[in-house]
Amino acid sequence: MGGNIAIHLAVAVSSNLVRDGIYKLLENEKDIEIIGTETSTQLEIIQIVEQKEPEVLFIDTSISKLDVVEILQLISEKHAR
């Protein structure tokens, strides 16, 4: 990507190790801005999407008590373009 355009990435994972690894891997990428790295519950994920409007959402499917399909459906309904 060129210019000052960045892809906004929200990371929703329960493991601090994985979350920190993703951040370290991507922190120097000028075209990627990581937002919402502390999201780990269904409510937090929906809130970060509503507030920050990331273009990419990375969801850990092993987060306990998290219905990923339901989250994606809610996000799709609210943010259909």
PDB file of N, CA and C in Angstrom:
ATOM      1  N   MET A   1       0.832  -1.172   0.000  1.00  0.00           N
ATOM      2  CA  MET A   1       0.000   0.000   0.000  1.00  0.00           C
ATOM      3  C   MET A   1       0.882   1.241   0.000  1.00  0.00           C
ATOM      4  N   GLY A   2       0.399   2.264  -0.580  1.00  0.00           N
ATOM      5  CA  GLY A   2       1.174   3.482  -0.601  1.00  0.00           C
ATOM      6  C   GLY A   2       0.499   4.586   0.161  1.00  0.00           C
ATOM      7  N   GLY A   3       1.192   5.678   0.342  1.00  0.00           N
ATOM      8  CA  GLY A   3       0.613   6.833   1.015  1.00  0.00           C
ATOM      9  C   GLY A   3       0.432   6.609   2.498  1.00  0.00           C
ATOM     10  N   ASN A   4      -0.527   7.326   3.076  1.00  0.00           N
ATOM     11  CA  ASN A   4      -0.767   7.243   4.515  1.00  0.00           C
ATOM     12  C   ASN A   4      -1.954   6.364   4.867  1.00  0.00           C
ATOM     13  N   ILE A   5      -2.418   5.563   3.947  1.00  0.00           N
ATOM     14  CA  ILE A   5      -3.577   4.717   4.198  1.00  0.00           C
ATOM     15  C   ILE A   5      -3.129   3.479   4.965  1.00  0.00           C
ATOM     16  N   ALA A   6      -3.801   3.201   6.066  1.00  0.00           N
ATOM     17  CA  ALA A   6      -3.478   2.029   6.870  1.00  0.00           C
ATOM     18  C   ALA A   6      -4.697   1.127   6.979  1.00  0.00           C
ATOM     19  N   ILE A   7      -4.424  -0.157   7.064  1.00  0.00           N
ATOM     20  CA  ILE A   7      -5.466  -1.133   7.347  1.00  0.00           C
ATOM     21  C   ILE A   7      -5.592  -1.202   8.860  1.00  0.00           C
ATOM     22  N   HIS A   8      -6.800  -1.046   9.361  1.00  0.00           N
ATOM     23  CA  HIS A   8      -7.047  -1.115  10.794  1.00  0.00           C
ATOM     24  C   HIS A   8      -7.414  -2.552  11.157  1.00  0.00           C
ATOM     25  N   LEU A   9      -6.640  -3.150  12.057  1.00  0.00           N
ATOM     26  CA  LEU A   9      -6.785  -4.550  12.431  1.00  0.00           C
ATOM     27  C   LEU A   9      -7.162  -4.652  13.899  1.00  0.00           C
ATOM     28  N   ALA A  10      -8.278  -5.310  14.190  1.00  0.00           N
ATOM     29  CA  ALA A  10      -8.661  -5.616  15.568  1.00  0.00           C
ATOM     30  C   ALA A  10      -8.311  -7.075  15.827  1.00  0.00           C
ATOM     31  N   VAL A  11      -7.671  -7.328  16.955  1.00  0.00           N
ATOM     32  CA  VAL A  11      -7.241  -8.676  17.309  1.00  0.00           C
ATOM     33  C   VAL A  11      -8.005  -9.122  18.549  1.00  0.00           C
ATOM     34  N   ALA A  12      -8.762 -10.178  18.424  1.00  0.00           N
ATOM     35  CA  ALA A  12      -9.556 -10.704  19.538  1.00  0.00           C
ATOM     36  C   ALA A  12      -9.099 -12.125  19.846  1.00  0.00           C
ATOM     37  N   VAL A  13      -8.139 -12.225  20.752  1.00  0.00           N
ATOM     38  CA  VAL A  13      -7.622 -13.536  21.155  1.00  0.00           C
ATOM     39  C   VAL A  13      -7.538 -13.597  22.674  1.00  0.00           C
ATOM     40  N   SER A  14      -7.711 -14.787  23.223  1.00  0.00           N
ATOM     41  CA  SER A  14      -7.693 -14.944  24.679  1.00  0.00           C
ATOM     42  C   SER A  14      -6.284 -15.122  25.227  1.00  0.00           C
ATOM     43  N   SER A  15      -5.364 -15.572  24.423  1.00  0.00           N
ATOM     44  CA  SER A  15      -4.002 -15.853  24.878  1.00  0.00           C
ATOM     45  C   SER A  15      -3.115 -14.605  24.779  1.00  0.00           C
ATOM     46  N   ASN A  16      -2.548 -14.208  25.908  1.00  0.00           N
ATOM     47  CA  ASN A  16      -1.621 -13.075  25.903  1.00  0.00           C
ATOM     48  C   ASN A  16      -0.422 -13.350  25.014  1.00  0.00           C
ATOM     49  N   LEU A  17       0.055 -14.583  25.005  1.00  0.00           N
ATOM     50  CA  LEU A  17       1.213 -14.945  24.195  1.00  0.00           C
ATOM     51  C   LEU A  17       0.924 -14.771  22.707  1.00  0.00           C
ATOM     52  N   VAL A  18      -0.223 -15.248  22.268  1.00  0.00           N
ATOM     53  CA  VAL A  18      -0.607 -15.115  20.861  1.00  0.00           C
ATOM     54  C   VAL A  18      -0.833 -13.654  20.508  1.00  0.00           C
ATOM     55  N   ARG A  19      -1.554 -12.943  21.377  1.00  0.00           N
ATOM     56  CA  ARG A  19      -1.831 -11.528  21.151  1.00  0.00           C
ATOM     57  C   ARG A  19      -0.532 -10.729  21.035  1.00  0.00           C
ATOM     58  N   ASP A  20       0.397 -10.969  21.969  1.00  0.00           N
ATOM     59  CA  ASP A  20       1.688 -10.273  21.930  1.00  0.00           C
ATOM     60  C   ASP A  20       2.491 -10.645  20.690  1.00  0.00           C
ATOM     61  N   GLY A  21       2.402 -11.918  20.275  1.00  0.00           N
ATOM     62  CA  GLY A  21       3.108 -12.367  19.075  1.00  0.00           C
ATOM     63  C   GLY A  21       2.590 -11.691  17.821  1.00  0.00           C
ATOM     64  N   ILE A  22       1.286 -11.574  17.701  1.00  0.00           N
ATOM     65  CA  ILE A  22       0.685 -10.890  16.551  1.00  0.00           C
ATOM     66  C   ILE A  22       1.108  -9.424  16.541  1.00  0.00           C
ATOM     67  N   TYR A  23       1.063  -8.803  17.712  1.00  0.00           N
ATOM     68  CA  TYR A  23       1.457  -7.397  17.804  1.00  0.00           C
ATOM     69  C   TYR A  23       2.924  -7.220  17.390  1.00  0.00           C
ATOM     70  N   LYS A  24       3.811  -8.059  17.930  1.00  0.00           N
ATOM     71  CA  LYS A  24       5.240  -7.950  17.605  1.00  0.00           C
ATOM     72  C   LYS A  24       5.481  -8.193  16.117  1.00  0.00           C
ATOM     73  N   LEU A  25       4.758  -9.127  15.549  1.00  0.00           N
ATOM     74  CA  LEU A  25       4.915  -9.460  14.139  1.00  0.00           C
ATOM     75  C   LEU A  25       4.519  -8.301  13.233  1.00  0.00           C
ATOM     76  N   LEU A  26       3.482  -7.561  13.632  1.00  0.00           N
ATOM     77  CA  LEU A  26       2.925  -6.528  12.756  1.00  0.00           C
ATOM     78  C   LEU A  26       3.210  -5.090  13.183  1.00  0.00           C
ATOM     79  N   GLU A  27       3.828  -4.879  14.342  1.00  0.00           N
ATOM     80  CA  GLU A  27       3.986  -3.514  14.863  1.00  0.00           C
ATOM     81  C   GLU A  27       4.817  -2.601  13.970  1.00  0.00           C
ATOM     82  N   ASN A  28       5.714  -3.128  13.179  1.00  0.00           N
ATOM     83  CA  ASN A  28       6.554  -2.294  12.320  1.00  0.00           C
ATOM     84  C   ASN A  28       6.008  -2.140  10.904  1.00  0.00           C
ATOM     85  N   GLU A  29       4.865  -2.739  10.649  1.00  0.00           N
ATOM     86  CA  GLU A  29       4.241  -2.604   9.336  1.00  0.00           C
ATOM     87  C   GLU A  29       3.580  -1.235   9.248  1.00  0.00           C
ATOM     88  N   LYS A  30       4.037  -0.422   8.350  1.00  0.00           N
ATOM     89  CA  LYS A  30       3.516   0.937   8.224  1.00  0.00           C
ATOM     90  C   LYS A  30       2.080   0.973   7.702  1.00  0.00           C
ATOM     91  N   ASP A  31       1.665  -0.046   6.986  1.00  0.00           N
ATOM     92  CA  ASP A  31       0.335  -0.071   6.386  1.00  0.00           C
ATOM     93  C   ASP A  31      -0.712  -0.770   7.261  1.00  0.00           C
ATOM     94  N   ILE A  32      -0.314  -1.177   8.475  1.00  0.00           N
ATOM     95  CA  ILE A  32      -1.243  -1.864   9.369  1.00  0.00           C
ATOM     96  C   ILE A  32      -1.240  -1.164  10.720  1.00  0.00           C
ATOM     97  N   GLU A  33      -2.424  -0.770  11.179  1.00  0.00           N
ATOM     98  CA  GLU A  33      -2.568  -0.196  12.509  1.00  0.00           C
ATOM     99  C   GLU A  33      -3.374  -1.181  13.346  1.00  0.00           C
ATOM    100  N   ILE A  34      -2.767  -1.670  14.417  1.00  0.00           N
ATOM    101  CA  ILE A  34      -3.433  -2.638  15.276  1.00  0.00           C
ATOM    102  C   ILE A  34      -4.260  -1.890  16.305  1.00  0.00           C
ATOM    103  N   ILE A  35      -5.552  -2.234  16.360  1.00  0.00           N
ATOM    104  CA  ILE A  35      -6.472  -1.618  17.319  1.00  0.00           C
ATOM    105  C   ILE A  35      -7.203  -2.734  18.054  1.00  0.00           C
ATOM    106  N   GLY A  36      -7.600  -2.488  19.262  1.00  0.00           N
ATOM    107  CA  GLY A  36      -8.438  -3.441  19.986  1.00  0.00           C
ATOM    108  C   GLY A  36      -7.775  -4.745  20.328  1.00  0.00           C
ATOM    109  N   THR A  37      -6.511  -4.719  20.738  1.00  0.00           N
ATOM    110  CA  THR A  37      -5.820  -5.968  21.040  1.00  0.00           C
ATOM    111  C   THR A  37      -6.239  -6.595  22.361  1.00  0.00           C
ATOM    112  N   GLU A  38      -6.967  -5.876  23.181  1.00  0.00           N
ATOM    113  CA  GLU A  38      -7.392  -6.430  24.464  1.00  0.00           C
ATOM    114  C   GLU A  38      -8.780  -7.054  24.405  1.00  0.00           C
ATOM    115  N   THR A  39      -9.361  -7.144  23.238  1.00  0.00           N
ATOM    116  CA  THR A  39     -10.704  -7.705  23.120  1.00  0.00           C
ATOM    117  C   THR A  39     -10.655  -9.219  23.269  1.00  0.00           C
ATOM    118  N   SER A  40     -11.480  -9.759  24.154  1.00  0.00           N
ATOM    119  CA  SER A  40     -11.508 -11.207  24.328  1.00  0.00           C
ATOM    120  C   SER A  40     -12.893 -11.743  24.679  1.00  0.00           C
ATOM    121  N   THR A  41     -13.888 -10.867  24.767  1.00  0.00           N
ATOM    122  CA  THR A  41     -15.258 -11.327  25.009  1.00  0.00           C
ATOM    123  C   THR A  41     -16.140 -10.864  23.855  1.00  0.00           C
ATOM    124  N   GLN A  42     -17.293 -11.478  23.764  1.00  0.00           N
ATOM    125  CA  GLN A  42     -18.223 -11.135  22.690  1.00  0.00           C
ATOM    126  C   GLN A  42     -18.579  -9.659  22.730  1.00  0.00           C
ATOM    127  N   LEU A  43     -18.883  -9.143  23.899  1.00  0.00           N
ATOM    128  CA  LEU A  43     -19.255  -7.734  24.037  1.00  0.00           C
ATOM    129  C   LEU A  43     -18.105  -6.810  23.645  1.00  0.00           C
ATOM    130  N   GLU A  44     -16.889  -7.121  24.093  1.00  0.00           N
ATOM    131  CA  GLU A  44     -15.727  -6.297  23.757  1.00  0.00           C
ATOM    132  C   GLU A  44     -15.458  -6.278  22.260  1.00  0.00           C
ATOM    133  N   ILE A  45     -15.616  -7.430  21.617  1.00  0.00           N
ATOM    134  CA  ILE A  45     -15.388  -7.508  20.172  1.00  0.00           C
ATOM    135  C   ILE A  45     -16.392  -6.633  19.431  1.00  0.00           C
ATOM    136  N   ILE A  46     -17.654  -6.747  19.794  1.00  0.00           N
ATOM    137  CA  ILE A  46     -18.689  -5.940  19.138  1.00  0.00           C
ATOM    138  C   ILE A  46     -18.450  -4.454  19.398  1.00  0.00           C
ATOM    139  N   GLN A  47     -18.073  -4.094  20.628  1.00  0.00           N
ATOM    140  CA  GLN A  47     -17.809  -2.694  20.952  1.00  0.00           C
ATOM    141  C   GLN A  47     -16.639  -2.134  20.149  1.00  0.00           C
ATOM    142  N   ILE A  48     -15.556  -2.880  20.025  1.00  0.00           N
ATOM    143  CA  ILE A  48     -14.393  -2.366  19.286  1.00  0.00           C
ATOM    144  C   ILE A  48     -14.734  -2.201  17.812  1.00  0.00           C
ATOM    145  N   VAL A  49     -15.533  -3.097  17.262  1.00  0.00           N
ATOM    146  CA  VAL A  49     -15.941  -2.971  15.863  1.00  0.00           C
ATOM    147  C   VAL A  49     -16.816  -1.740  15.681  1.00  0.00           C
ATOM    148  N   GLU A  50     -17.735  -1.511  16.611  1.00  0.00           N
ATOM    149  CA  GLU A  50     -18.613  -0.344  16.512  1.00  0.00           C
ATOM    150  C   GLU A  50     -17.848   0.961  16.693  1.00  0.00           C
ATOM    151  N   GLN A  51     -16.887   0.991  17.611  1.00  0.00           N
ATOM    152  CA  GLN A  51     -16.157   2.221  17.916  1.00  0.00           C
ATOM    153  C   GLN A  51     -15.037   2.519  16.926  1.00  0.00           C
ATOM    154  N   LYS A  52     -14.264   1.510  16.560  1.00  0.00           N
ATOM    155  CA  LYS A  52     -13.060   1.728  15.751  1.00  0.00           C
ATOM    156  C   LYS A  52     -13.232   1.389  14.277  1.00  0.00           C
ATOM    157  N   GLU A  53     -14.261   0.610  13.937  1.00  0.00           N
ATOM    158  CA  GLU A  53     -14.549   0.209  12.554  1.00  0.00           C
ATOM    159  C   GLU A  53     -13.320  -0.343  11.817  1.00  0.00           C
ATOM    160  N   PRO A  54     -12.742  -1.439  12.314  1.00  0.00           N
ATOM    161  CA  PRO A  54     -11.578  -2.021  11.638  1.00  0.00           C
ATOM    162  C   PRO A  54     -11.966  -2.642  10.305  1.00  0.00           C
ATOM    163  N   GLU A  55     -11.026  -2.636   9.372  1.00  0.00           N
ATOM    164  CA  GLU A  55     -11.246  -3.308   8.091  1.00  0.00           C
ATOM    165  C   GLU A  55     -11.048  -4.818   8.222  1.00  0.00           C
ATOM    166  N   VAL A  56     -10.199  -5.224   9.187  1.00  0.00           N
ATOM    167  CA  VAL A  56      -9.893  -6.641   9.389  1.00  0.00           C
ATOM    168  C   VAL A  56     -10.105  -6.983  10.855  1.00  0.00           C
ATOM    169  N   LEU A  57     -10.766  -8.118  11.103  1.00  0.00           N
ATOM    170  CA  LEU A  57     -11.000  -8.594  12.454  1.00  0.00           C
ATOM    171  C   LEU A  57     -10.423 -10.000  12.562  1.00  0.00           C
ATOM    172  N   PHE A  58      -9.428 -10.162  13.432  1.00  0.00           N
ATOM    173  CA  PHE A  58      -8.786 -11.457  13.683  1.00  0.00           C
ATOM    174  C   PHE A  58      -9.389 -12.011  14.966  1.00  0.00           C
ATOM    175  N   ILE A  59     -10.150 -13.112  14.859  1.00  0.00           N
ATOM    176  CA  ILE A  59     -10.834 -13.687  16.017  1.00  0.00           C
ATOM    177  C   ILE A  59     -10.280 -15.070  16.324  1.00  0.00           C
ATOM    178  N   ASP A  60      -9.936 -15.273  17.579  1.00  0.00           N
ATOM    179  CA  ASP A  60      -9.514 -16.570  18.093  1.00  0.00           C
ATOM    180  C   ASP A  60     -10.777 -17.395  18.328  1.00  0.00           C
ATOM    181  N   THR A  61     -10.949 -18.464  17.596  1.00  0.00           N
ATOM    182  CA  THR A  61     -12.175 -19.261  17.711  1.00  0.00           C
ATOM    183  C   THR A  61     -12.220 -20.114  18.973  1.00  0.00           C
ATOM    184  N   SER A  62     -11.142 -20.128  19.747  1.00  0.00           N
ATOM    185  CA  SER A  62     -11.144 -20.930  20.972  1.00  0.00           C
ATOM    186  C   SER A  62     -11.449 -20.102  22.215  1.00  0.00           C
ATOM    187  N   ILE A  63     -11.824 -18.830  22.047  1.00  0.00           N
ATOM    188  CA  ILE A  63     -12.195 -18.020  23.196  1.00  0.00           C
ATOM    189  C   ILE A  63     -13.414 -18.668  23.855  1.00  0.00           C
ATOM    190  N   SER A  64     -13.323 -18.908  25.155  1.00  0.00           N
ATOM    191  CA  SER A  64     -14.412 -19.603  25.838  1.00  0.00           C
ATOM    192  C   SER A  64     -15.697 -18.780  25.811  1.00  0.00           C
ATOM    193  N   LYS A  65     -16.809 -19.478  25.711  1.00  0.00           N
ATOM    194  CA  LYS A  65     -18.144 -18.874  25.705  1.00  0.00           C
ATOM    195  C   LYS A  65     -18.310 -17.834  24.606  1.00  0.00           C
ATOM    196  N   LEU A  66     -17.694 -18.081  23.494  1.00  0.00           N
ATOM    197  CA  LEU A  66     -17.761 -17.114  22.402  1.00  0.00           C
ATOM    198  C   LEU A  66     -18.325 -17.797  21.171  1.00  0.00           C
ATOM    199  N   ASP A  67     -19.440 -17.310  20.679  1.00  0.00           N
ATOM    200  CA  ASP A  67     -20.040 -17.842  19.475  1.00  0.00           C
ATOM    201  C   ASP A  67     -19.610 -16.943  18.321  1.00  0.00           C
ATOM    202  N   VAL A  68     -18.538 -17.331  17.654  1.00  0.00           N
ATOM    203  CA  VAL A  68     -17.948 -16.513  16.599  1.00  0.00           C
ATOM    204  C   VAL A  68     -18.941 -16.252  15.477  1.00  0.00           C
ATOM    205  N   VAL A  69     -19.707 -17.250  15.102  1.00  0.00           N
ATOM    206  CA  VAL A  69     -20.687 -17.078  14.026  1.00  0.00           C
ATOM    207  C   VAL A  69     -21.710 -16.016  14.417  1.00  0.00           C
ATOM    208  N   GLU A  70     -22.180 -16.059  15.663  1.00  0.00           N
ATOM    209  CA  GLU A  70     -23.147 -15.068  16.131  1.00  0.00           C
ATOM    210  C   GLU A  70     -22.549 -13.657  16.096  1.00  0.00           C
ATOM    211  N   ILE A  71     -21.300 -13.528  16.531  1.00  0.00           N
ATOM    212  CA  ILE A  71     -20.629 -12.224  16.509  1.00  0.00           C
ATOM    213  C   ILE A  71     -20.545 -11.702  15.076  1.00  0.00           C
ATOM    214  N   LEU A  72     -20.120 -12.544  14.163  1.00  0.00           N
ATOM    215  CA  LEU A  72     -19.979 -12.119  12.768  1.00  0.00           C
ATOM    216  C   LEU A  72     -21.325 -11.742  12.163  1.00  0.00           C
ATOM    217  N   GLN A  73     -22.376 -12.470  12.516  1.00  0.00           N
ATOM    218  CA  GLN A  73     -23.713 -12.121  12.019  1.00  0.00           C
ATOM    219  C   GLN A  73     -24.159 -10.762  12.553  1.00  0.00           C
ATOM    220  N   LEU A  74     -23.940 -10.517  13.849  1.00  0.00           N
ATOM    221  CA  LEU A  74     -24.313  -9.224  14.435  1.00  0.00           C
ATOM    222  C   LEU A  74     -23.549  -8.085  13.783  1.00  0.00           C
ATOM    223  N   ILE A  75     -22.257  -8.288  13.586  1.00  0.00           N
ATOM    224  CA  ILE A  75     -21.427  -7.256  12.968  1.00  0.00           C
ATOM    225  C   ILE A  75     -21.887  -7.019  11.528  1.00  0.00           C
ATOM    226  N   SER A  76     -22.163  -8.095  10.811  1.00  0.00           N
ATOM    227  CA  SER A  76     -22.621  -7.971   9.413  1.00  0.00           C
ATOM    228  C   SER A  76     -23.913  -7.189   9.315  1.00  0.00           C
ATOM    229  N   GLU A  77     -24.844  -7.491  10.197  1.00  0.00           N
ATOM    230  CA  GLU A  77     -26.138  -6.809  10.166  1.00  0.00           C
ATOM    231  C   GLU A  77     -25.995  -5.314  10.456  1.00  0.00           C
ATOM    232  N   LYS A  78     -25.129  -4.976  11.407  1.00  0.00           N
ATOM    233  CA  LYS A  78     -24.970  -3.570  11.805  1.00  0.00           C
ATOM    234  C   LYS A  78     -24.114  -2.767  10.840  1.00  0.00           C
ATOM    235  N   HIS A  79     -23.187  -3.430  10.166  1.00  0.00           N
ATOM    236  CA  HIS A  79     -22.206  -2.701   9.353  1.00  0.00           C
ATOM    237  C   HIS A  79     -22.208  -3.131   7.890  1.00  0.00           C
ATOM    238  N   ALA A  80     -23.327  -3.599   7.402  1.00  0.00           N
ATOM    239  CA  ALA A  80     -23.412  -3.987   5.997  1.00  0.00           C
ATOM    240  C   ALA A  80     -23.192  -2.755   5.128  1.00  0.00           C
ATOM    241  N   ARG A  81     -22.367  -2.909   4.107  1.00  0.00           N
ATOM    242  CA  ARG A  81     -22.039  -1.772   3.228  1.00  0.00           C
ATOM    243  C   ARG A  81     -22.520  -2.032   1.837  1.00  0.00           C
TER     244      ARG A  81
END
